[in-house]
Amino acid sequence: MPAAPPPRALVPVLLFVGTVVAVISSLGAPLVPAVAATLDTSLPDAQWSLTATLLVGAVATPVVGRLGDGPQRRRVVLVVLGVVTLGGVLAALPLGLGWLVAGRALQGLGLGLTPLAIATAREALAGQRARSTIAALSITVVAGVGLGYPLAGLVAELGGVHAAFWAGAGVSLAALLASAAVLPPAETTQRSRLDVVGALLLGAGLAALLIALGEAGTWGWTSPALWSLLGGAALALACWVPWEWRTPSPLVDLRLARGRVALTAHVAALLVGLSNYLLLASVPVLAQGPVSDGAGFGVSIVVAGLVLLPFSAASVLAGRLARLLADRAGQHLVLPVAALVQCAAFVLFGLARTDLWQLFLVMGIAGLGVGAAFAAFPALVVSAVPPSETGSATSLNQVLRYVGFALGSTLTATVLDAATPEGGAPAASGYTTIAVVGAAVCVLTAVVAWLALARRQPAGVPAPAGG
């Protein structure tokens, strides 16, 4: 058995892998308008370069977690990074939209790597070093997104859309080589059983639902194909729920959503994820939209990426603010307050889009709300399940978050497509609709969280993560 690598070499590599995951997953957001222009396709079709990654990530997170939750963890990490690199190459080659989306879908497998990096840190490191590394890994998910947006925009501005994906493939390859050099083998010898049926049902149900929502504007709401897909999605997900509930080794243990606190945390994760991507997917389109149409600002991809930077910076700060709020007023207030802060961002987005600085402000406020909510979820989940089930419950919360991301991305494309005249760019009414829908989702999140958590503050709830 190879000797364990020194902690000094292991920690930077784990953080690098966590950052790569975030950067790769966020590559699509500021590039969607450029993908549409480069490949001469519509914005809804180009939006699949983002949605496909998030969809695969929602299914891949529990699958990769199961495969890596045993003696094969190192091999799983290396194989996944290899697939992510291959996906980057496919997306970078000038083969057309279909291959680009397929490559981005392969890159979505990387979203399941962060839990394995955390598990490696928990096993290979000890004491404060393990705790600080795990905390840093949770922050890289947000910090990496903030880094990925402007860097992707800069590379695309200098070398085109495909150059940005070549850069992503190069970064993934570097992570693969670094991981091969230092990742230790897992200490556990117990193998986890993979729920193949559950993975197929979940993947089929989500894919059918997202395709139906994404094509609703093109096919029309009376299309038999649309309703066939929606019916198939409902049937697959309806079969998935009882299967996961009864199978001995479920892909996603839905039994861990029992109880008021746990159910609230998981429902809120879905809603916050959805509202989060309503802004992340629409703001870059608005920023790069032509000024002549009256709704856009006509900025470059670089500037569009920078517009999203306050979101990541504020998200990191929000983790600390959420901890202060929990200590002084109670953990039960963090999630309702976070949802109302995010709601304020949508209200501002709906009322004030005349100057570019307003988009920076919108994304900063949204980052505070989303960051505080994401910091609150682990504390609520941990308080609601036995210690032995913390990992599975956290994985369920992560899956629902990614499902919300994918739904938000698809819904944005559908709304903006409905507001786009033939041969033009999305009209201002499309962004106003997104603001109204986002604000409504945030209010619903706040009401659900308040009614479920404020009646009886959960005992023994730890403070939110974030410093």
Foldseek 3Di string as FASTA:
>chain_A
DDDAFDPVLLLVLLLLLLLLLLLLLLLLQLCLVQLCVVQVHDSLLSLLLNLLLLLLLLLLQLQLVQQLVAQCVLVSLLVLLVQLLVLLLQLLDPPHSVSVSVSSNSNSNSSNCLVSSLVQLVQRDDDPSSVVSNLSSVLSNLVSSLVNQLVLQVQCVVPNNSSSSNVSSVSSVVSSVSSVVRRDGDPHHDHGDGDPLLSVLSSLLLVLVLVLLSCCQVQPPVHPSSVVSNVSSVVSVVVNVVCLPPDPRHSANCVLCPDLLLVLLQVLLLLLLQLLQLLSNVQSLQACFDVVLVRHNNDGSNVSSNLLNLLSVLLLVLLVVQLVCCVPPNLLVQLLVLLVLLLVLLVLQLPDDPDSVSSSVSSNSNSNSSSSSVQSSLLSSPLRDPPVCSVSSVSSSVSSNSSSNSNNSSNLSSLQSNQADVPHGGHSVSSNVSSVVSSVSSNVSSVSSCVSDVVDPRPPRDGGRND
